[in-house]
N, C-alpha and C. Protein backbone atom coordinates (compact mmCIF):
# COMPACT_ATOMS: atom_id res chain seq x y z
N MET A 1 -64.09 24.15 -9.28
CA MET A 1 -64.00 23.08 -8.30
C MET A 1 -62.94 23.45 -7.25
N SER A 2 -63.28 23.24 -5.98
CA SER A 2 -62.35 23.57 -4.92
C SER A 2 -61.26 22.51 -4.81
N GLU A 3 -60.22 22.82 -4.06
CA GLU A 3 -59.12 21.89 -3.87
C GLU A 3 -59.62 20.61 -3.21
N GLU A 4 -60.53 20.75 -2.23
CA GLU A 4 -61.10 19.58 -1.53
C GLU A 4 -61.88 18.72 -2.51
N GLU A 5 -62.65 19.34 -3.38
CA GLU A 5 -63.43 18.59 -4.36
C GLU A 5 -62.53 17.84 -5.31
N GLU A 6 -61.41 18.46 -5.67
CA GLU A 6 -60.47 17.79 -6.58
C GLU A 6 -59.82 16.59 -5.90
N LYS A 7 -59.50 16.72 -4.60
CA LYS A 7 -58.88 15.61 -3.86
C LYS A 7 -59.82 14.42 -3.72
N THR A 8 -61.06 14.71 -3.38
CA THR A 8 -62.00 13.61 -3.10
C THR A 8 -62.78 13.19 -4.32
N GLY A 9 -62.84 14.05 -5.34
CA GLY A 9 -63.65 13.75 -6.52
C GLY A 9 -65.12 13.97 -6.28
N MET A 10 -65.46 14.63 -5.16
CA MET A 10 -66.86 14.85 -4.79
C MET A 10 -67.11 16.35 -4.67
N GLU A 11 -68.28 16.76 -5.10
CA GLU A 11 -68.67 18.16 -4.91
C GLU A 11 -69.08 18.42 -3.49
N HIS A 12 -69.70 17.45 -2.84
CA HIS A 12 -70.13 17.57 -1.45
C HIS A 12 -69.56 16.39 -0.67
N PRO A 13 -69.04 16.62 0.51
CA PRO A 13 -68.54 15.49 1.31
C PRO A 13 -69.70 14.61 1.73
N VAL A 14 -69.42 13.35 1.95
CA VAL A 14 -70.43 12.39 2.37
C VAL A 14 -70.34 12.29 3.90
N TYR A 15 -71.49 12.53 4.53
CA TYR A 15 -71.55 12.45 5.99
C TYR A 15 -72.33 11.21 6.40
N ASP A 16 -71.92 10.61 7.50
CA ASP A 16 -72.63 9.45 8.01
C ASP A 16 -73.13 9.68 9.43
N SER A 17 -73.16 10.94 9.86
CA SER A 17 -73.54 11.22 11.22
C SER A 17 -73.85 12.72 11.39
N PHE A 18 -74.28 13.06 12.59
CA PHE A 18 -74.41 14.45 12.96
C PHE A 18 -74.09 14.55 14.45
N PHE A 19 -73.92 15.75 14.94
CA PHE A 19 -73.62 15.97 16.36
C PHE A 19 -74.83 16.51 17.05
N ILE A 20 -75.01 16.08 18.29
CA ILE A 20 -76.06 16.63 19.13
C ILE A 20 -75.44 17.15 20.42
N ARG A 21 -76.12 18.11 21.01
CA ARG A 21 -75.66 18.65 22.28
C ARG A 21 -76.22 17.81 23.44
N SER A 22 -75.35 17.45 24.38
CA SER A 22 -75.77 16.70 25.56
C SER A 22 -74.83 17.07 26.70
N ASN A 23 -75.40 17.71 27.74
CA ASN A 23 -74.62 18.09 28.91
C ASN A 23 -73.32 18.85 28.57
N ASN A 24 -73.48 19.92 27.79
CA ASN A 24 -72.38 20.79 27.39
C ASN A 24 -71.31 20.09 26.55
N GLN A 25 -71.69 19.00 25.91
CA GLN A 25 -70.78 18.30 25.03
C GLN A 25 -71.48 18.09 23.68
N LEU A 26 -70.66 17.97 22.64
CA LEU A 26 -71.19 17.59 21.33
C LEU A 26 -70.87 16.12 21.10
N ILE A 27 -71.91 15.34 20.85
CA ILE A 27 -71.73 13.90 20.72
C ILE A 27 -72.13 13.49 19.30
N ARG A 28 -71.23 12.73 18.67
CA ARG A 28 -71.52 12.23 17.32
C ARG A 28 -72.48 11.07 17.41
N VAL A 29 -73.53 11.13 16.63
CA VAL A 29 -74.50 10.05 16.51
C VAL A 29 -74.50 9.62 15.04
N ARG A 30 -74.11 8.38 14.82
CA ARG A 30 -74.06 7.87 13.45
C ARG A 30 -75.48 7.43 13.02
N TRP A 31 -75.79 7.68 11.77
CA TRP A 31 -77.10 7.32 11.26
C TRP A 31 -77.38 5.85 11.43
N ASN A 32 -76.40 5.00 11.18
CA ASN A 32 -76.58 3.57 11.30
C ASN A 32 -76.94 3.11 12.71
N ASP A 33 -76.62 3.93 13.70
CA ASP A 33 -76.89 3.57 15.11
C ASP A 33 -78.29 3.97 15.54
N ILE A 34 -78.99 4.77 14.77
CA ILE A 34 -80.30 5.25 15.16
C ILE A 34 -81.36 4.22 14.82
N TYR A 35 -82.12 3.76 15.83
CA TYR A 35 -83.23 2.85 15.60
C TYR A 35 -84.46 3.62 15.23
N TRP A 36 -84.82 4.62 16.04
CA TRP A 36 -85.96 5.47 15.75
C TRP A 36 -85.83 6.81 16.46
N ILE A 37 -86.68 7.73 16.09
CA ILE A 37 -86.76 9.05 16.72
C ILE A 37 -88.19 9.28 17.11
N HIS A 38 -88.38 9.75 18.33
CA HIS A 38 -89.72 9.95 18.86
C HIS A 38 -89.87 11.39 19.32
N ALA A 39 -90.94 12.04 18.93
CA ALA A 39 -91.18 13.43 19.30
C ALA A 39 -92.12 13.45 20.51
N ASP A 40 -91.83 14.39 21.46
CA ASP A 40 -92.68 14.56 22.62
C ASP A 40 -92.58 16.00 23.02
N GLY A 41 -93.61 16.78 22.70
CA GLY A 41 -93.59 18.21 23.03
C GLY A 41 -92.53 18.94 22.24
N ASN A 42 -91.71 19.72 22.93
CA ASN A 42 -90.65 20.52 22.28
C ASN A 42 -89.37 19.70 22.04
N TYR A 43 -89.35 18.46 22.47
CA TYR A 43 -88.15 17.63 22.35
C TYR A 43 -88.38 16.45 21.43
N SER A 44 -87.29 15.99 20.84
CA SER A 44 -87.29 14.75 20.11
C SER A 44 -86.28 13.84 20.78
N TYR A 45 -86.54 12.56 20.80
CA TYR A 45 -85.66 11.59 21.43
C TYR A 45 -85.09 10.68 20.36
N ILE A 46 -83.78 10.65 20.27
CA ILE A 46 -83.07 9.80 19.31
C ILE A 46 -82.70 8.52 20.05
N VAL A 47 -83.20 7.38 19.59
CA VAL A 47 -83.00 6.12 20.28
C VAL A 47 -82.00 5.26 19.52
N THR A 48 -80.93 4.89 20.21
CA THR A 48 -79.91 4.00 19.66
C THR A 48 -79.84 2.76 20.56
N ALA A 49 -78.99 1.83 20.24
CA ALA A 49 -78.86 0.62 21.05
C ALA A 49 -78.30 0.97 22.44
N GLU A 50 -77.43 1.97 22.52
CA GLU A 50 -76.78 2.28 23.79
C GLU A 50 -77.49 3.34 24.62
N LYS A 51 -78.19 4.27 23.95
CA LYS A 51 -78.69 5.41 24.70
C LYS A 51 -79.88 6.06 24.01
N ARG A 52 -80.58 6.88 24.76
CA ARG A 52 -81.66 7.70 24.25
C ARG A 52 -81.27 9.15 24.47
N TYR A 53 -81.12 9.89 23.40
CA TYR A 53 -80.69 11.29 23.47
C TYR A 53 -81.89 12.22 23.32
N ALA A 54 -81.97 13.19 24.19
CA ALA A 54 -83.04 14.22 24.10
C ALA A 54 -82.43 15.43 23.39
N VAL A 55 -83.11 15.89 22.34
CA VAL A 55 -82.66 17.08 21.62
C VAL A 55 -83.83 18.02 21.44
N LYS A 56 -83.55 19.29 21.52
CA LYS A 56 -84.59 20.29 21.31
C LYS A 56 -84.63 20.62 19.83
N SER A 57 -85.37 19.81 19.10
CA SER A 57 -85.46 19.96 17.67
C SER A 57 -86.76 19.32 17.21
N SER A 58 -87.30 19.85 16.14
CA SER A 58 -88.55 19.28 15.59
C SER A 58 -88.26 18.05 14.78
N MET A 59 -89.27 17.23 14.61
CA MET A 59 -89.16 16.02 13.77
C MET A 59 -88.84 16.42 12.33
N LYS A 60 -89.48 17.49 11.88
CA LYS A 60 -89.27 17.94 10.49
C LYS A 60 -87.79 18.30 10.26
N LYS A 61 -87.20 18.99 11.23
CA LYS A 61 -85.78 19.40 11.09
C LYS A 61 -84.88 18.16 11.12
N LEU A 62 -85.17 17.23 12.03
CA LEU A 62 -84.36 16.02 12.12
C LEU A 62 -84.48 15.18 10.84
N LEU A 63 -85.69 15.05 10.33
CA LEU A 63 -85.90 14.28 9.10
C LEU A 63 -85.15 14.87 7.93
N SER A 64 -85.04 16.19 7.92
CA SER A 64 -84.31 16.85 6.81
C SER A 64 -82.79 16.57 6.87
N ARG A 65 -82.30 16.14 8.02
CA ARG A 65 -80.88 15.86 8.21
C ARG A 65 -80.53 14.40 7.96
N LEU A 66 -81.53 13.55 7.86
CA LEU A 66 -81.31 12.13 7.70
C LEU A 66 -81.37 11.68 6.26
N PRO A 67 -80.64 10.60 5.90
CA PRO A 67 -80.75 10.06 4.54
C PRO A 67 -82.10 9.40 4.34
N LEU A 68 -82.92 9.97 3.48
CA LEU A 68 -84.29 9.54 3.30
C LEU A 68 -84.43 8.12 2.75
N GLN A 69 -83.37 7.60 2.14
CA GLN A 69 -83.43 6.24 1.64
C GLN A 69 -83.40 5.22 2.80
N HIS A 70 -82.99 5.66 4.01
CA HIS A 70 -82.88 4.76 5.14
C HIS A 70 -83.90 5.03 6.24
N PHE A 71 -84.46 6.24 6.26
CA PHE A 71 -85.38 6.63 7.33
C PHE A 71 -86.74 6.98 6.74
N LEU A 72 -87.76 6.75 7.55
CA LEU A 72 -89.12 7.04 7.09
C LEU A 72 -89.98 7.45 8.27
N ARG A 73 -90.82 8.43 8.06
CA ARG A 73 -91.76 8.80 9.09
C ARG A 73 -92.91 7.80 9.06
N ILE A 74 -93.25 7.21 10.23
CA ILE A 74 -94.31 6.21 10.29
C ILE A 74 -95.51 6.70 11.10
N HIS A 75 -95.36 7.85 11.73
CA HIS A 75 -96.41 8.39 12.58
C HIS A 75 -96.07 9.84 12.79
N LYS A 76 -97.03 10.66 13.22
CA LYS A 76 -96.73 12.07 13.43
C LYS A 76 -95.66 12.26 14.47
N GLY A 77 -95.44 11.28 15.33
CA GLY A 77 -94.42 11.38 16.35
C GLY A 77 -93.25 10.42 16.24
N TYR A 78 -93.15 9.70 15.11
CA TYR A 78 -92.09 8.70 14.99
C TYR A 78 -91.46 8.69 13.60
N ILE A 79 -90.12 8.59 13.60
CA ILE A 79 -89.32 8.33 12.41
C ILE A 79 -88.55 7.04 12.73
N VAL A 80 -88.48 6.14 11.79
CA VAL A 80 -87.82 4.86 12.04
C VAL A 80 -86.79 4.59 10.93
N GLN A 81 -85.71 3.89 11.33
CA GLN A 81 -84.77 3.44 10.32
C GLN A 81 -85.29 2.13 9.73
N ILE A 82 -85.50 2.10 8.46
CA ILE A 82 -86.14 0.99 7.80
C ILE A 82 -85.40 -0.33 8.05
N ALA A 83 -84.10 -0.32 8.10
CA ALA A 83 -83.30 -1.53 8.28
C ALA A 83 -83.56 -2.22 9.60
N TYR A 84 -84.06 -1.51 10.61
CA TYR A 84 -84.29 -2.10 11.93
C TYR A 84 -85.72 -2.58 12.13
N ILE A 85 -86.56 -2.42 11.15
CA ILE A 85 -87.94 -2.92 11.28
C ILE A 85 -87.94 -4.43 11.25
N GLU A 86 -88.51 -5.04 12.29
CA GLU A 86 -88.59 -6.49 12.39
C GLU A 86 -89.94 -7.02 11.86
N LYS A 87 -91.00 -6.21 12.11
CA LYS A 87 -92.34 -6.69 11.78
C LYS A 87 -93.26 -5.49 11.61
N VAL A 88 -94.25 -5.63 10.72
CA VAL A 88 -95.29 -4.62 10.54
C VAL A 88 -96.62 -5.32 10.65
N ASP A 89 -97.41 -4.90 11.63
CA ASP A 89 -98.75 -5.44 11.81
C ASP A 89 -99.70 -4.48 11.11
N THR A 90 -100.17 -4.87 9.92
CA THR A 90 -100.99 -3.99 9.09
C THR A 90 -102.42 -3.90 9.61
N LYS A 91 -102.83 -4.87 10.42
CA LYS A 91 -104.20 -4.83 10.99
C LYS A 91 -104.25 -3.85 12.17
N ASP A 92 -103.31 -3.97 13.08
CA ASP A 92 -103.30 -3.13 14.28
C ASP A 92 -102.44 -1.88 14.14
N ASN A 93 -101.79 -1.70 12.97
CA ASN A 93 -100.95 -0.56 12.68
C ASN A 93 -99.83 -0.37 13.71
N ILE A 94 -99.02 -1.40 13.78
CA ILE A 94 -97.86 -1.39 14.71
C ILE A 94 -96.61 -1.82 13.94
N VAL A 95 -95.53 -1.07 14.17
CA VAL A 95 -94.23 -1.40 13.59
C VAL A 95 -93.35 -1.84 14.76
N THR A 96 -92.75 -3.03 14.61
CA THR A 96 -91.88 -3.55 15.66
C THR A 96 -90.42 -3.32 15.29
N VAL A 97 -89.71 -2.68 16.17
CA VAL A 97 -88.27 -2.43 16.01
C VAL A 97 -87.60 -3.06 17.24
N GLY A 98 -86.84 -4.11 17.00
CA GLY A 98 -86.29 -4.87 18.13
C GLY A 98 -87.45 -5.42 18.94
N GLU A 99 -87.48 -5.10 20.22
CA GLU A 99 -88.57 -5.57 21.10
C GLU A 99 -89.60 -4.50 21.37
N HIS A 100 -89.55 -3.42 20.61
CA HIS A 100 -90.43 -2.27 20.85
C HIS A 100 -91.46 -2.13 19.76
N ASP A 101 -92.69 -1.92 20.17
CA ASP A 101 -93.80 -1.69 19.25
C ASP A 101 -94.05 -0.19 19.14
N LEU A 102 -94.01 0.31 17.90
CA LEU A 102 -94.23 1.72 17.61
C LEU A 102 -95.50 1.87 16.80
N PRO A 103 -96.22 2.98 17.01
CA PRO A 103 -97.47 3.16 16.26
C PRO A 103 -97.19 3.49 14.78
N LEU A 104 -98.07 2.99 13.94
CA LEU A 104 -98.03 3.29 12.50
C LEU A 104 -99.27 4.13 12.17
N GLY A 105 -99.06 5.35 11.79
CA GLY A 105 -100.17 6.22 11.43
C GLY A 105 -100.78 5.81 10.12
N ARG A 106 -102.10 5.90 10.02
CA ARG A 106 -102.81 5.49 8.80
C ARG A 106 -102.29 6.23 7.57
N ILE A 107 -101.98 7.52 7.71
CA ILE A 107 -101.55 8.27 6.55
C ILE A 107 -100.12 7.94 6.11
N TYR A 108 -99.36 7.25 6.97
CA TYR A 108 -97.99 6.88 6.63
C TYR A 108 -97.87 5.42 6.22
N LYS A 109 -98.94 4.64 6.38
CA LYS A 109 -98.90 3.20 6.13
C LYS A 109 -98.54 2.85 4.70
N GLU A 110 -99.21 3.48 3.75
CA GLU A 110 -98.98 3.17 2.33
C GLU A 110 -97.53 3.47 1.94
N GLN A 111 -97.00 4.59 2.40
CA GLN A 111 -95.63 4.95 2.09
C GLN A 111 -94.65 3.92 2.65
N LEU A 112 -94.92 3.44 3.86
CA LEU A 112 -94.05 2.41 4.46
C LEU A 112 -94.11 1.14 3.63
N LEU A 113 -95.30 0.69 3.30
CA LEU A 113 -95.45 -0.53 2.53
C LEU A 113 -94.76 -0.45 1.18
N GLU A 114 -94.76 0.71 0.55
CA GLU A 114 -94.06 0.91 -0.71
C GLU A 114 -92.54 0.80 -0.57
N LYS A 115 -92.02 1.23 0.61
CA LYS A 115 -90.56 1.18 0.83
C LYS A 115 -90.05 -0.18 1.15
N LEU A 116 -90.91 -1.07 1.71
CA LEU A 116 -90.47 -2.38 2.10
C LEU A 116 -90.37 -3.29 0.90
N ASP A 117 -89.45 -4.23 0.95
CA ASP A 117 -89.26 -5.21 -0.12
C ASP A 117 -90.15 -6.41 0.19
N ILE A 118 -91.39 -6.37 -0.28
CA ILE A 118 -92.39 -7.38 0.02
C ILE A 118 -92.44 -8.41 -1.08
N ILE A 119 -92.40 -9.67 -0.69
CA ILE A 119 -92.46 -10.78 -1.68
C ILE A 119 -93.86 -11.35 -1.68
């Protein structure tokens, strides 16, 4: 066990964010601030309450960096933070996050419904 592991009692540090490049700067984006991620061509857009960040990264790579207990792919072009889902229209396959309607892919629908706490 390393000295750091002995101090914290953890084998791996717990991270709550990652950095993205924007205009020659590295900007910390906290996971809790991310509403959804949208892919468009070679870029993915990370949407938060304050800003939309464009990053040159695949959805697969971004999803591998996120805590899977909080994020879920809902469409081939969308990843959403489960906590920000306001409504799911199972007939029209639409997920509402805040005031925005996002598409729900048929192949991702069952996985989303399993993750939600439905009464």
